């Protein structure tokens, strides 16, 4: 089985979106045979991210489909055919344009339209106003800061570093 390759979804400059897509792809049970450790770490990281929106989430992740740069969406994932996760960080858009886009995405991928639970996550950047962050929180978006993301991922640092270094050194 071919494993997720971080460079197949990006050029040599790796953004946080690309890294998240690569990491989320490892959660698919099809990759458990390639690396049980990466599969487990990916599932735990995704669960921790979901728990920021759904604190009592404890479902085993078995099937995941992930797209990076899906239209105007930074990261789009469908988990266990039950959850749609949208992760956004549109730093190049004005705050007003982002609000319009975020509302449109919520309507388009709402539970009423898809039959799946929608989780919307915003990864803020330092130029955003507190007013904007409050507006998207009021819309139902979960804010996950860089520090929170690092805290989640850091628990699996050794597994991730070993896997990435193995790939770099094998090339």
Foldseek 3Di string as FASTA:
>chain_A
DDAQDLCVQHPPDHDPLSVLQNLLSLCAQVCCVVPVLSNVLSQQLVQVVVCLQVVVDDDRWHHKDWDAPPPQFGIWMQTPLAEIETEDEDPVDDLVVVVVVLVVVCVCPPCVNRVHHYAYEYEYDDVDDPVSVVVVVVVVHGYQYPVNSCVSNVVSVVVVVVVVVVVVVVD
